[in-house]
Protein backbone atom coordinates (compact mmCIF):
# COMPACT_ATOMS: atom_id res chain seq x y z
CA MET A 1 304.78 -5.96 -50.07
CA SER A 2 305.82 -8.00 -53.11
CA GLU A 3 307.04 -10.94 -51.07
CA TYR A 4 305.87 -14.15 -52.70
CA VAL A 5 304.46 -17.11 -50.81
CA TYR A 6 306.49 -20.19 -51.68
CA LYS A 7 304.89 -23.60 -51.34
CA ARG A 8 305.99 -27.00 -52.53
CA HIS A 9 304.76 -26.67 -56.12
CA ASN A 10 303.92 -23.01 -56.58
CA LYS A 11 304.87 -19.43 -55.97
CA SER A 12 302.05 -16.96 -55.49
CA LEU A 13 301.20 -13.43 -54.54
CA LEU A 14 297.51 -12.98 -53.73
CA LEU A 15 296.36 -9.75 -52.13
CA TYR A 16 292.78 -9.16 -51.01
CA TYR A 17 291.36 -5.80 -50.01
CA ILE A 18 288.52 -6.28 -47.52
CA VAL A 19 286.24 -3.58 -46.10
CA CYS A 20 284.03 -4.48 -43.13
CA PRO A 21 281.43 -1.80 -42.32
CA VAL A 22 279.65 -1.60 -38.98
CA LYS A 23 275.94 -2.40 -39.02
CA TYR A 24 273.93 0.68 -40.07
CA ARG A 25 277.27 2.53 -40.41
CA TRP A 26 277.11 3.61 -36.78
CA LYS A 27 280.21 5.40 -35.59
CA VAL A 28 281.31 3.04 -32.83
CA ILE A 29 284.98 2.16 -33.48
CA SER A 30 287.26 4.00 -31.06
CA ASP A 31 291.04 4.01 -30.61
CA HIS A 32 290.83 1.33 -27.92
CA GLN A 33 288.82 -0.95 -30.19
CA THR A 34 291.31 -0.35 -33.00
CA GLU A 35 294.11 -1.66 -30.78
CA ILE A 36 292.04 -4.73 -29.87
CA LEU A 37 291.36 -5.31 -33.57
CA LYS A 38 295.04 -5.11 -34.49
CA GLU A 39 296.06 -7.45 -31.66
CA SER A 40 293.47 -10.05 -32.64
CA CYS A 41 294.57 -9.83 -36.29
CA MET A 42 298.18 -10.50 -35.30
CA GLU A 43 297.05 -13.57 -33.34
CA LEU A 44 295.06 -14.66 -36.39
CA SER A 45 298.09 -14.45 -38.65
CA GLU A 46 300.00 -16.78 -36.33
CA ARG A 47 297.30 -19.47 -36.40
CA TYR A 48 296.21 -19.31 -40.05
CA GLU A 49 298.00 -18.65 -43.31
CA ILE A 50 296.63 -15.11 -43.43
CA ASN A 51 299.16 -12.27 -43.42
CA PHE A 52 297.92 -8.75 -42.78
CA VAL A 53 299.83 -6.21 -44.88
CA GLU A 54 297.82 -3.24 -43.61
CA ILE A 55 295.02 -2.73 -41.12
CA GLY A 56 293.11 0.53 -40.98
CA THR A 57 289.96 1.74 -39.27
CA ASP A 58 287.61 4.64 -39.38
CA THR A 59 284.75 5.29 -36.98
CA ASP A 60 282.31 3.18 -39.02
CA HIS A 61 284.38 0.60 -40.92
CA ALA A 62 287.65 -1.37 -40.97
CA HIS A 63 290.02 -1.98 -43.90
CA PHE A 64 292.26 -5.01 -44.32
CA LEU A 65 294.89 -5.68 -46.97
CA VAL A 66 295.48 -9.41 -46.69
CA ARG A 67 297.99 -11.73 -48.35
CA SER A 68 297.12 -15.43 -48.39
CA VAL A 69 297.72 -18.72 -50.16
CA PRO A 70 295.65 -19.92 -53.14
CA MET A 71 294.20 -22.84 -51.16
CA MET A 72 292.09 -20.49 -49.01
CA LEU A 73 289.00 -19.06 -50.62
CA PRO A 74 288.29 -15.34 -50.15
CA LYS A 75 284.99 -16.26 -48.49
CA GLY A 76 286.81 -18.36 -45.91
CA ILE A 77 289.32 -15.60 -45.24
CA VAL A 78 286.56 -13.04 -44.63
CA GLN A 79 284.60 -15.46 -42.41
CA THR A 80 287.67 -16.20 -40.31
CA ILE A 81 288.63 -12.55 -39.91
CA LYS A 82 285.14 -11.32 -39.09
CA SER A 83 284.20 -14.09 -36.68
CA ILE A 84 287.36 -14.05 -34.57
CA THR A 85 287.84 -10.27 -34.48
CA ALA A 86 284.15 -9.68 -33.65
CA ARG A 87 284.34 -12.15 -30.77
CA GLU A 88 287.40 -10.36 -29.37
CA MET A 89 285.90 -6.89 -29.78
CA PHE A 90 282.65 -7.83 -28.03
CA LYS A 91 284.54 -9.11 -24.98
């Protein structure tokens, strides 16, 4: 977990803990949807500089422990994760 991200002029270790609750906290996340979520997060980490350290779900929310580079804002990381994973889960 303490692997640093090496770039041309810096060395960094930024970890973000993100919790995404379901609207109205309805209990709608099943085991099948958890697998879809994990698969879409792995595809996300290949396209963007977002590395998922841990992914966890409960019936009404999802947890992400994310490691990223300093150039990406936390707002951009959350927007990317929520938009792409929501699109895949609604399919």
